[in-house]
């Protein structure tokens, strides 16, 4: 296990690592709040 305490999108933007499976288990927020940037086309 390797733990990082940071914004998930910032991690994905900056890492060079590749993964076999990505699991996105963040809060369900589609009210245009701060977590919505983890649900967008650009993030995916």
ModelCIF file with pLDDT and N, C-alpha, C, O atoms, coordinates in Angstrom:
data_MODEL
#
_entry.id   MODEL 
#
_entity.id                         1 
_entity.type                       polymer 
_entity.pdbx_number_of_molecules   1 
#
_entity_poly.entity_id                      1 
_entity_poly.type                           'polypeptide(L)' 
_entity_poly.nstd_linkage                   no 
_entity_poly.nstd_monomer                   no 
_entity_poly.pdbx_seq_one_letter_code       
;(UNK)(UNK)(UNK)(UNK)(UNK)(UNK)(UNK)(UNK)(UNK)(UNK)(UNK)(UNK)(UNK)(UNK)(UNK)(UNK)
(UNK)(UNK)(UNK)(UNK)(UNK)(UNK)(UNK)(UNK)(UNK)(UNK)(UNK)(UNK)(UNK)(UNK)(UNK)(UNK)
(UNK)(UNK)(UNK)(UNK)(UNK)(UNK)(UNK)(UNK)(UNK)(UNK)(UNK)(UNK)
;
_entity_poly.pdbx_seq_one_letter_code_can   XXXXXXXXXXXXXXXXXXXXXXXXXXXXXXXXXXXXXXXXXXXX 
_entity_poly.pdbx_strand_id                 A 
#
loop_
_entity_poly_seq.entity_id 
_entity_poly_seq.num 
_entity_poly_seq.mon_id 
_entity_poly_seq.hetero 
1 1  UNK n 
1 2  UNK n 
1 3  UNK n 
1 4  UNK n 
1 5  UNK n 
1 6  UNK n 
1 7  UNK n 
1 8  UNK n 
1 9  UNK n 
1 10 UNK n 
1 11 UNK n 
1 12 UNK n 
1 13 UNK n 
1 14 UNK n 
1 15 UNK n 
1 16 UNK n 
1 17 UNK n 
1 18 UNK n 
1 19 UNK n 
1 20 UNK n 
1 21 UNK n 
1 22 UNK n 
1 23 UNK n 
1 24 UNK n 
1 25 UNK n 
1 26 UNK n 
1 27 UNK n 
1 28 UNK n 
1 29 UNK n 
1 30 UNK n 
1 31 UNK n 
1 32 UNK n 
1 33 UNK n 
1 34 UNK n 
1 35 UNK n 
1 36 UNK n 
1 37 UNK n 
1 38 UNK n 
1 39 UNK n 
1 40 UNK n 
1 41 UNK n 
1 42 UNK n 
1 43 UNK n 
1 44 UNK n 
#
_struct_asym.id          A 
_struct_asym.entity_id   1 
#
loop_
_ma_qa_metric.id 
_ma_qa_metric.mode 
_ma_qa_metric.name 
_ma_qa_metric.software_group_id 
_ma_qa_metric.type 
1 global pLDDT . pLDDT 
2 local  pLDDT . pLDDT 
#
_ma_qa_metric_global.metric_id      1 
_ma_qa_metric_global.metric_value   92.57 
_ma_qa_metric_global.model_id       1 
_ma_qa_metric_global.ordinal_id     1 
#
loop_
_ma_qa_metric_local.label_asym_id 
_ma_qa_metric_local.label_comp_id 
_ma_qa_metric_local.label_seq_id 
_ma_qa_metric_local.metric_id 
_ma_qa_metric_local.metric_value 
_ma_qa_metric_local.model_id 
_ma_qa_metric_local.ordinal_id 
A UNK 1  2 98.00 1 1  
A UNK 2  2 98.00 1 2  
A UNK 3  2 98.00 1 3  
A UNK 4  2 98.00 1 4  
A UNK 5  2 97.00 1 5  
A UNK 6  2 96.00 1 6  
A UNK 7  2 95.00 1 7  
A UNK 8  2 96.00 1 8  
A UNK 9  2 97.00 1 9  
A UNK 10 2 97.00 1 10 
A UNK 11 2 98.00 1 11 
A UNK 12 2 98.00 1 12 
A UNK 13 2 97.00 1 13 
A UNK 14 2 97.00 1 14 
A UNK 15 2 98.00 1 15 
A UNK 16 2 97.00 1 16 
A UNK 17 2 98.00 1 17 
A UNK 18 2 98.00 1 18 
A UNK 19 2 98.00 1 19 
A UNK 20 2 98.00 1 20 
A UNK 21 2 98.00 1 21 
A UNK 22 2 98.00 1 22 
A UNK 23 2 98.00 1 23 
A UNK 24 2 97.00 1 24 
A UNK 25 2 95.00 1 25 
A UNK 26 2 91.00 1 26 
A UNK 27 2 83.00 1 27 
A UNK 28 2 78.00 1 28 
A UNK 29 2 74.00 1 29 
A UNK 30 2 74.00 1 30 
A UNK 31 2 78.00 1 31 
A UNK 32 2 72.00 1 32 
A UNK 33 2 72.00 1 33 
A UNK 34 2 74.00 1 34 
A UNK 35 2 83.00 1 35 
A UNK 36 2 90.00 1 36 
A UNK 37 2 93.00 1 37 
A UNK 38 2 95.00 1 38 
A UNK 39 2 95.00 1 39 
A UNK 40 2 96.00 1 40 
A UNK 41 2 98.00 1 41 
A UNK 42 2 98.00 1 42 
A UNK 43 2 98.00 1 43 
A UNK 44 2 98.00 1 44 
#
loop_
_atom_site.group_PDB 
_atom_site.id 
_atom_site.type_symbol 
_atom_site.label_atom_id 
_atom_site.label_alt_id 
_atom_site.label_comp_id 
_atom_site.label_asym_id 
_atom_site.label_entity_id 
_atom_site.label_seq_id 
_atom_site.pdbx_PDB_ins_code 
_atom_site.Cartn_x 
_atom_site.Cartn_y 
_atom_site.Cartn_z 
_atom_site.occupancy 
_atom_site.B_iso_or_equiv 
_atom_site.pdbx_formal_charge 
_atom_site.auth_seq_id 
_atom_site.auth_comp_id 
_atom_site.auth_asym_id 
_atom_site.auth_atom_id 
_atom_site.pdbx_PDB_model_num 
ATOM 1   N N  . UNK A 1 1  ? 0.835   -1.205 0.000   1.00 98.00 ? 1  UNK A N  1 
ATOM 2   C CA . UNK A 1 1  ? 0.000   0.000  0.000   1.00 98.00 ? 1  UNK A CA 1 
ATOM 3   C C  . UNK A 1 1  ? 0.867   1.251  0.000   1.00 98.00 ? 1  UNK A C  1 
ATOM 4   O O  . UNK A 1 1  ? 1.896   1.315  0.672   1.00 98.00 ? 1  UNK A O  1 
ATOM 5   N N  . UNK A 1 2  ? 0.433   2.235  -0.762  1.00 98.00 ? 2  UNK A N  1 
ATOM 6   C CA . UNK A 1 2  ? 1.130   3.519  -0.857  1.00 98.00 ? 2  UNK A CA 1 
ATOM 7   C C  . UNK A 1 2  ? 0.090   4.626  -0.739  1.00 98.00 ? 2  UNK A C  1 
ATOM 8   O O  . UNK A 1 2  ? -0.786  4.738  -1.597  1.00 98.00 ? 2  UNK A O  1 
ATOM 9   N N  . UNK A 1 3  ? 0.171   5.448  0.308   1.00 98.00 ? 3  UNK A N  1 
ATOM 10  C CA . UNK A 1 3  ? -0.839  6.454  0.587   1.00 98.00 ? 3  UNK A CA 1 
ATOM 11  C C  . UNK A 1 3  ? -0.337  7.849  0.225   1.00 98.00 ? 3  UNK A C  1 
ATOM 12  O O  . UNK A 1 3  ? 0.802   8.213  0.517   1.00 98.00 ? 3  UNK A O  1 
ATOM 13  N N  . UNK A 1 4  ? -1.209  8.612  -0.413  1.00 98.00 ? 4  UNK A N  1 
ATOM 14  C CA . UNK A 1 4  ? -0.922  10.005 -0.746  1.00 98.00 ? 4  UNK A CA 1 
ATOM 15  C C  . UNK A 1 4  ? -2.096  10.849 -0.264  1.00 98.00 ? 4  UNK A C  1 
ATOM 16  O O  . UNK A 1 4  ? -3.249  10.519 -0.541  1.00 98.00 ? 4  UNK A O  1 
ATOM 17  N N  . UNK A 1 5  ? -1.816  11.932 0.453   1.00 97.00 ? 5  UNK A N  1 
ATOM 18  C CA . UNK A 1 5  ? -2.854  12.818 0.947   1.00 97.00 ? 5  UNK A CA 1 
ATOM 19  C C  . UNK A 1 5  ? -2.838  14.095 0.110   1.00 97.00 ? 5  UNK A C  1 
ATOM 20  O O  . UNK A 1 5  ? -2.139  15.057 0.428   1.00 97.00 ? 5  UNK A O  1 
ATOM 21  N N  . UNK A 1 6  ? -3.614  14.083 -0.952  1.00 96.00 ? 6  UNK A N  1 
ATOM 22  C CA . UNK A 1 6  ? -3.671  15.224 -1.861  1.00 96.00 ? 6  UNK A CA 1 
ATOM 23  C C  . UNK A 1 6  ? -4.917  15.084 -2.723  1.00 96.00 ? 6  UNK A C  1 
ATOM 24  O O  . UNK A 1 6  ? -5.629  14.082 -2.654  1.00 96.00 ? 6  UNK A O  1 
ATOM 25  N N  . UNK A 1 7  ? -5.164  16.092 -3.526  1.00 95.00 ? 7  UNK A N  1 
ATOM 26  C CA . UNK A 1 7  ? -6.292  16.063 -4.453  1.00 95.00 ? 7  UNK A CA 1 
ATOM 27  C C  . UNK A 1 7  ? -6.063  14.987 -5.513  1.00 95.00 ? 7  UNK A C  1 
ATOM 28  O O  . UNK A 1 7  ? -4.991  14.909 -6.113  1.00 95.00 ? 7  UNK A O  1 
ATOM 29  N N  . UNK A 1 8  ? -7.091  14.153 -5.737  1.00 96.00 ? 8  UNK A N  1 
ATOM 30  C CA . UNK A 1 8  ? -6.945  13.054 -6.680  1.00 96.00 ? 8  UNK A CA 1 
ATOM 31  C C  . UNK A 1 8  ? -6.657  13.506 -8.087  1.00 96.00 ? 8  UNK A C  1 
ATOM 32  O O  . UNK A 1 8  ? -5.898  12.853 -8.803  1.00 96.00 ? 8  UNK A O  1 
ATOM 33  N N  . UNK A 1 9  ? -7.239  14.598 -8.496  1.00 97.00 ? 9  UNK A N  1 
ATOM 34  C CA . UNK A 1 9  ? -6.993  15.086 -9.850  1.00 97.00 ? 9  UNK A CA 1 
ATOM 35  C C  . UNK A 1 9  ? -5.562  15.589 -9.991  1.00 97.00 ? 9  UNK A C  1 
ATOM 36  O O  . UNK A 1 9  ? -4.909  15.350 -11.007 1.00 97.00 ? 9  UNK A O  1 
ATOM 37  N N  . UNK A 1 10 ? -5.078  16.289 -8.963  1.00 97.00 ? 10 UNK A N  1 
ATOM 38  C CA . UNK A 1 10 ? -3.699  16.776 -9.015  1.00 97.00 ? 10 UNK A CA 1 
ATOM 39  C C  . UNK A 1 10 ? -2.729  15.614 -9.095  1.00 97.00 ? 10 UNK A C  1 
ATOM 40  O O  . UNK A 1 10 ? -1.713  15.702 -9.785  1.00 97.00 ? 10 UNK A O  1 
ATOM 41  N N  . UNK A 1 11 ? -3.028  14.520 -8.396  1.00 98.00 ? 11 UNK A N  1 
ATOM 42  C CA . UNK A 1 11 ? -2.150  13.346 -8.453  1.00 98.00 ? 11 UNK A CA 1 
ATOM 43  C C  . UNK A 1 11 ? -2.125  12.783 -9.869  1.00 98.00 ? 11 UNK A C  1 
ATOM 44  O O  . UNK A 1 11 ? -1.055  12.499 -10.409 1.00 98.00 ? 11 UNK A O  1 
ATOM 45  N N  . UNK A 1 12 ? -3.297  12.621 -10.467 1.00 98.00 ? 12 UNK A N  1 
ATOM 46  C CA . UNK A 1 12 ? -3.365  12.051 -11.813 1.00 98.00 ? 12 UNK A CA 1 
ATOM 47  C C  . UNK A 1 12 ? -2.662  12.955 -12.820 1.00 98.00 ? 12 UNK A C  1 
ATOM 48  O O  . UNK A 1 12 ? -2.020  12.468 -13.751 1.00 98.00 ? 12 UNK A O  1 
ATOM 49  N N  . UNK A 1 13 ? -2.779  14.253 -12.641 1.00 97.00 ? 13 UNK A N  1 
ATOM 50  C CA . UNK A 1 13 ? -2.148  15.197 -13.567 1.00 97.00 ? 13 UNK A CA 1 
ATOM 51  C C  . UNK A 1 13 ? -0.633  15.141 -13.528 1.00 97.00 ? 13 UNK A C  1 
ATOM 52  O O  . UNK A 1 13 ? 0.026   15.383 -14.540 1.00 97.00 ? 13 UNK A O  1 
ATOM 53  N N  . UNK A 1 14 ? -0.071  14.819 -12.359 1.00 97.00 ? 14 UNK A N  1 
ATOM 54  C CA . UNK A 1 14 ? 1.381   14.941 -12.185 1.00 97.00 ? 14 UNK A CA 1 
ATOM 55  C C  . UNK A 1 14 ? 2.130   13.610 -12.187 1.00 97.00 ? 14 UNK A C  1 
ATOM 56  O O  . UNK A 1 14 ? 3.342   13.592 -12.400 1.00 97.00 ? 14 UNK A O  1 
ATOM 57  N N  . UNK A 1 15 ? 1.434   12.495 -11.954 1.00 98.00 ? 15 UNK A N  1 
ATOM 58  C CA . UNK A 1 15 ? 2.150   11.224 -11.895 1.00 98.00 ? 15 UNK A CA 1 
ATOM 59  C C  . UNK A 1 15 ? 2.490   10.726 -13.298 1.00 98.00 ? 15 UNK A C  1 
ATOM 60  O O  . UNK A 1 15 ? 1.781   11.003 -14.265 1.00 98.00 ? 15 UNK A O  1 
ATOM 61  N N  . UNK A 1 16 ? 3.584   9.991  -13.381 1.00 97.00 ? 16 UNK A N  1 
ATOM 62  C CA . UNK A 1 16 ? 3.952   9.307  -14.631 1.00 97.00 ? 16 UNK A CA 1 
ATOM 63  C C  . UNK A 1 16 ? 3.644   7.819  -14.565 1.00 97.00 ? 16 UNK A C  1 
ATOM 64  O O  . UNK A 1 16 ? 3.888   7.092  -15.528 1.00 97.00 ? 16 UNK A O  1 
ATOM 65  N N  . UNK A 1 17 ? 3.110   7.361  -13.439 1.00 98.00 ? 17 UNK A N  1 
ATOM 66  C CA . UNK A 1 17 ? 2.855   5.937  -13.246 1.00 98.00 ? 17 UNK A CA 1 
ATOM 67  C C  . UNK A 1 17 ? 1.679   5.468  -14.088 1.00 98.00 ? 17 UNK A C  1 
ATOM 68  O O  . UNK A 1 17 ? 0.776   6.238  -14.415 1.00 98.00 ? 17 UNK A O  1 
ATOM 69  N N  . UNK A 1 18 ? 1.712   4.182  -14.429 1.00 98.00 ? 18 UNK A N  1 
ATOM 70  C CA . UNK A 1 18 ? 0.620   3.551  -15.158 1.00 98.00 ? 18 UNK A CA 1 
ATOM 71  C C  . UNK A 1 18 ? -0.008  2.474  -14.288 1.00 98.00 ? 18 UNK A C  1 
ATOM 72  O O  . UNK A 1 18 ? 0.661   1.864  -13.453 1.00 98.00 ? 18 UNK A O  1 
ATOM 73  N N  . UNK A 1 19 ? -1.303  2.248  -14.493 1.00 98.00 ? 19 UNK A N  1 
ATOM 74  C CA . UNK A 1 19 ? -2.042  1.332  -13.633 1.00 98.00 ? 19 UNK A CA 1 
ATOM 75  C C  . UNK A 1 19 ? -2.904  0.398  -14.485 1.00 98.00 ? 19 UNK A C  1 
ATOM 76  O O  . UNK A 1 19 ? -3.342  0.740  -15.583 1.00 98.00 ? 19 UNK A O  1 
ATOM 77  N N  . UNK A 1 20 ? -3.126  -0.791 -13.930 1.00 98.00 ? 20 UNK A N  1 
ATOM 78  C CA . UNK A 1 20 ? -4.003  -1.758 -14.587 1.00 98.00 ? 20 UNK A CA 1 
ATOM 79  C C  . UNK A 1 20 ? -5.474  -1.440 -14.326 1.00 98.00 ? 20 UNK A C  1 
ATOM 80  O O  . UNK A 1 20 ? -6.316  -1.589 -15.211 1.00 98.00 ? 20 UNK A O  1 
ATOM 81  N N  . UNK A 1 21 ? -5.770  -1.003 -13.112 1.00 98.00 ? 21 UNK A N  1 
ATOM 82  C CA . UNK A 1 21 ? -7.140  -0.678 -12.722 1.00 98.00 ? 21 UNK A CA 1 
ATOM 83  C C  . UNK A 1 21 ? -7.113  0.623  -11.931 1.00 98.00 ? 21 UNK A C  1 
ATOM 84  O O  . UNK A 1 21 ? -6.258  0.815  -11.067 1.00 98.00 ? 21 UNK A O  1 
ATOM 85  N N  . UNK A 1 22 ? -8.050  1.514  -12.230 1.00 98.00 ? 22 UNK A N  1 
ATOM 86  C CA . UNK A 1 22 ? -8.246  2.744  -11.460 1.00 98.00 ? 22 UNK A CA 1 
ATOM 87  C C  . UNK A 1 22 ? -9.649  2.694  -10.869 1.00 98.00 ? 22 UNK A C  1 
ATOM 88  O O  . UNK A 1 22 ? -10.627 2.485  -11.588 1.00 98.00 ? 22 UNK A O  1 
ATOM 89  N N  . UNK A 1 23 ? -9.744  2.886  -9.552  1.00 98.00 ? 23 UNK A N  1 
ATOM 90  C CA . UNK A 1 23 ? -11.024 2.859  -8.847  1.00 98.00 ? 23 UNK A CA 1 
ATOM 91  C C  . UNK A 1 23 ? -11.256 4.246  -8.264  1.00 98.00 ? 23 UNK A C  1 
ATOM 92  O O  . UNK A 1 23 ? -10.456 4.734  -7.464  1.00 98.00 ? 23 UNK A O  1 
ATOM 93  N N  . UNK A 1 24 ? -12.354 4.878  -8.669  1.00 97.00 ? 24 UNK A N  1 
ATOM 94  C CA . UNK A 1 24 ? -12.670 6.229  -8.216  1.00 97.00 ? 24 UNK A CA 1 
ATOM 95  C C  . UNK A 1 24 ? -13.840 6.150  -7.241  1.00 97.00 ? 24 UNK A C  1 
ATOM 96  O O  . UNK A 1 24 ? -14.978 5.888  -7.630  1.00 97.00 ? 24 UNK A O  1 
ATOM 97  N N  . UNK A 1 25 ? -13.535 6.380  -5.967  1.00 95.00 ? 25 UNK A N  1 
ATOM 98  C CA . UNK A 1 25 ? -14.505 6.205  -4.882  1.00 95.00 ? 25 UNK A CA 1 
ATOM 99  C C  . UNK A 1 25 ? -14.583 7.504  -4.085  1.00 95.00 ? 25 UNK A C  1 
ATOM 100 O O  . UNK A 1 25 ? -14.249 7.540  -2.901  1.00 95.00 ? 25 UNK A O  1 
ATOM 101 N N  . UNK A 1 26 ? -15.027 8.566  -4.748  1.00 91.00 ? 26 UNK A N  1 
ATOM 102 C CA . UNK A 1 26 ? -15.108 9.862  -4.088  1.00 91.00 ? 26 UNK A CA 1 
ATOM 103 C C  . UNK A 1 26 ? -16.562 10.198 -3.796  1.00 91.00 ? 26 UNK A C  1 
ATOM 104 O O  . UNK A 1 26 ? -17.475 9.523  -4.272  1.00 91.00 ? 26 UNK A O  1 
ATOM 105 N N  . UNK A 1 27 ? -16.767 11.250 -3.006  1.00 83.00 ? 27 UNK A N  1 
ATOM 106 C CA . UNK A 1 27 ? -18.124 11.616 -2.600  1.00 83.00 ? 27 UNK A CA 1 
ATOM 107 C C  . UNK A 1 27 ? -18.968 11.952 -3.820  1.00 83.00 ? 27 UNK A C  1 
ATOM 108 O O  . UNK A 1 27 ? -18.461 12.432 -4.834  1.00 83.00 ? 27 UNK A O  1 
ATOM 109 N N  . UNK A 1 28 ? -20.264 11.691 -3.702  1.00 78.00 ? 28 UNK A N  1 
ATOM 110 C CA . UNK A 1 28 ? -21.172 11.912 -4.830  1.00 78.00 ? 28 UNK A CA 1 
ATOM 111 C C  . UNK A 1 28 ? -21.611 13.378 -4.828  1.00 78.00 ? 28 UNK A C  1 
ATOM 112 O O  . UNK A 1 28 ? -22.523 13.760 -4.095  1.00 78.00 ? 28 UNK A O  1 
ATOM 113 N N  . UNK A 1 29 ? -20.955 14.189 -5.654  1.00 74.00 ? 29 UNK A N  1 
ATOM 114 C CA . UNK A 1 29 ? -21.218 15.619 -5.669  1.00 74.00 ? 29 UNK A CA 1 
ATOM 115 C C  . UNK A 1 29 ? -21.293 16.124 -7.104  1.00 74.00 ? 29 UNK A C  1 
ATOM 116 O O  . UNK A 1 29 ? -20.269 16.333 -7.753  1.00 74.00 ? 29 UNK A O  1 
ATOM 117 N N  . UNK A 1 30 ? -22.516 16.319 -7.591  1.00 74.00 ? 30 UNK A N  1 
ATOM 118 C CA . UNK A 1 30 ? -22.715 16.924 -8.898  1.00 74.00 ? 30 UNK A CA 1 
ATOM 119 C C  . UNK A 1 30 ? -23.465 18.248 -8.746  1.00 74.00 ? 30 UNK A C  1 
ATOM 120 O O  . UNK A 1 30 ? -24.271 18.618 -9.600  1.00 74.00 ? 30 UNK A O  1 
ATOM 121 N N  . UNK A 1 31 ? -23.188 18.960 -7.640  1.00 78.00 ? 31 UNK A N  1 
ATOM 122 C CA . UNK A 1 31 ? -23.839 20.246 -7.397  1.00 78.00 ? 31 UNK A CA 1 
ATOM 123 C C  . UNK A 1 31 ? -22.909 21.404 -7.724  1.00 78.00 ? 31 UNK A C  1 
ATOM 124 O O  . UNK A 1 31 ? -23.033 22.497 -7.172  1.00 78.00 ? 31 UNK A O  1 
ATOM 125 N N  . UNK A 1 32 ? -21.958 21.137 -8.651  1.00 72.00 ? 32 UNK A N  1 
ATOM 126 C CA . UNK A 1 32 ? -20.995 22.148 -9.076  1.00 72.00 ? 32 UNK A CA 1 
ATOM 127 C C  . UNK A 1 32 ? -20.082 22.573 -7.928  1.00 72.00 ? 32 UNK A C  1 
ATOM 128 O O  . UNK A 1 32 ? -19.581 23.697 -7.901  1.00 72.00 ? 32 UNK A O  1 
ATOM 129 N N  . UNK A 1 33 ? -19.871 21.649 -6.974  1.00 72.00 ? 33 UNK A N  1 
ATOM 130 C CA . UNK A 1 33 ? -18.974 21.897 -5.856  1.00 72.00 ? 33 UNK A CA 1 
ATOM 131 C C  . UNK A 1 33 ? -17.561 21.426 -6.162  1.00 72.00 ? 33 UNK A C  1 
ATOM 132 O O  . UNK A 1 33 ? -17.261 21.069 -7.301  1.00 72.00 ? 33 UNK A O  1 
ATOM 133 N N  . UNK A 1 34 ? -16.672 21.420 -5.137  1.00 74.00 ? 34 UNK A N  1 
ATOM 134 C CA . UNK A 1 34 ? -15.253 21.139 -5.371  1.00 74.00 ? 34 UNK A CA 1 
ATOM 135 C C  . UNK A 1 34 ? -14.943 19.727 -5.832  1.00 74.00 ? 34 UNK A C  1 
ATOM 136 O O  . UNK A 1 34 ? -13.902 19.509 -6.452  1.00 74.00 ? 34 UNK A O  1 
ATOM 137 N N  . UNK A 1 35 ? -15.803 18.764 -5.555  1.00 83.00 ? 35 UNK A N  1 
ATOM 138 C CA . UNK A 1 35 ? -15.520 17.387 -5.978  1.00 83.00 ? 35 UNK A CA 1 
ATOM 139 C C  . UNK A 1 35 ? -15.944 17.115 -7.409  1.00 83.00 ? 35 UNK A C  1 
ATOM 140 O O  . UNK A 1 35 ? -15.618 16.059 -7.952  1.00 83.00 ? 35 UNK A O  1 
ATOM 141 N N  . UNK A 1 36 ? -16.664 18.040 -8.036  1.00 90.00 ? 36 UNK A N  1 
ATOM 142 C CA . UNK A 1 36 ? -17.177 17.769 -9.379  1.00 90.00 ? 36 UNK A CA 1 
ATOM 143 C C  . UNK A 1 36 ? -16.060 17.659 -10.413 1.00 90.00 ? 36 UNK A C  1 
ATOM 144 O O  . UNK A 1 36 ? -16.253 17.059 -11.470 1.00 90.00 ? 36 UNK A O  1 
ATOM 145 N N  . UNK A 1 37 ? -14.893 18.233 -10.118 1.00 93.00 ? 37 UNK A N  1 
ATOM 146 C CA . UNK A 1 37 ? -13.791 18.139 -11.083 1.00 93.00 ? 37 UNK A CA 1 
ATOM 147 C C  . UNK A 1 37 ? -13.224 16.730 -11.177 1.00 93.00 ? 37 UNK A C  1 
ATOM 148 O O  . UNK A 1 37 ? -12.362 16.458 -12.013 1.00 93.00 ? 37 UNK A O  1 
ATOM 149 N N  . UNK A 1 38 ? -13.715 15.821 -10.305 1.00 95.00 ? 38 UNK A N  1 
ATOM 150 C CA . UNK A 1 38 ? -13.341 14.404 -10.383 1.00 95.00 ? 38 UNK A CA 1 
ATOM 151 C C  . UNK A 1 38 ? -14.374 13.586 -11.161 1.00 95.00 ? 38 UNK A C  1 
ATOM 152 O O  . UNK A 1 38 ? -14.310 12.357 -11.180 1.00 95.00 ? 38 UNK A O  1 
ATOM 153 N N  . UNK A 1 39 ? -15.317 14.265 -11.796 1.00 95.00 ? 39 UNK A N  1 
ATOM 154 C CA . UNK A 1 39 ? -16.349 13.598 -12.577 1.00 95.00 ? 39 UNK A CA 1 
ATOM 155 C C  . UNK A 1 39 ? -16.386 14.077 -14.028 1.00 95.00 ? 39 UNK A C  1 
ATOM 156 O O  . UNK A 1 39 ? -17.286 13.682 -14.770 1.00 95.00 ? 39 UNK A O  1 
ATOM 157 N N  . UNK A 1 40 ? -15.452 14.903 -14.450 1.00 96.00 ? 40 UNK A N  1 
ATOM 158 C CA . UNK A 1 40 ? -15.570 15.533 -15.767 1.00 96.00 ? 40 UNK A CA 1 
ATOM 159 C C  . UNK A 1 40 ? -14.863 14.747 -16.864 1.00 96.00 ? 40 UNK A C  1 
ATOM 160 O O  . UNK A 1 40 ? -14.030 13.877 -16.610 1.00 96.00 ? 40 UNK A O  1 
ATOM 161 N N  . UNK A 1 41 ? -15.234 15.095 -18.103 1.00 98.00 ? 41 UNK A N  1 
ATOM 162 C CA . UNK A 1 41 ? -14.613 14.469 -19.268 1.00 98.00 ? 41 UNK A CA 1 
ATOM 163 C C  . UNK A 1 41 ? -13.100 14.686 -19.261 1.00 98.00 ? 41 UNK A C  1 
ATOM 164 O O  . UNK A 1 41 ? -12.344 13.765 -19.571 1.00 98.00 ? 41 UNK A O  1 
ATOM 165 N N  . UNK A 1 42 ? -12.659 15.879 -18.916 1.00 98.00 ? 42 UNK A N  1 
ATOM 166 C CA . UNK A 1 42 ? -11.231 16.179 -18.911 1.00 98.00 ? 42 UNK A CA 1 
ATOM 167 C C  . UNK A 1 42 ? -10.491 15.316 -17.890 1.00 98.00 ? 42 UNK A C  1 
ATOM 168 O O  . UNK A 1 42 ? -9.382  14.850 -18.153 1.00 98.00 ? 42 UNK A O  1 
ATOM 169 N N  . UNK A 1 43 ? -11.101 15.107 -16.732 1.00 98.00 ? 43 UNK A N  1 
ATOM 170 C CA . UNK A 1 43 ? -10.458 14.251 -15.730 1.00 98.00 ? 43 UNK A CA 1 
ATOM 171 C C  . UNK A 1 43 ? -10.388 12.810 -16.205 1.00 98.00 ? 43 UNK A C  1 
ATOM 172 O O  . UNK A 1 43 ? -9.349  12.165 -16.062 1.00 98.00 ? 43 UNK A O  1 
ATOM 173 N N  . UNK A 1 44 ? -11.468 12.294 -16.766 1.00 98.00 ? 44 UNK A N  1 
ATOM 174 C CA . UNK A 1 44 ? -11.461 10.909 -17.238 1.00 98.00 ? 44 UNK A CA 1 
ATOM 175 C C  . UNK A 1 44 ? -10.455 10.721 -18.374 1.00 98.00 ? 44 UNK A C  1 
ATOM 176 O O  . UNK A 1 44 ? -10.313 9.615  -18.896 1.00 98.00 ? 44 UNK A O  1 
#
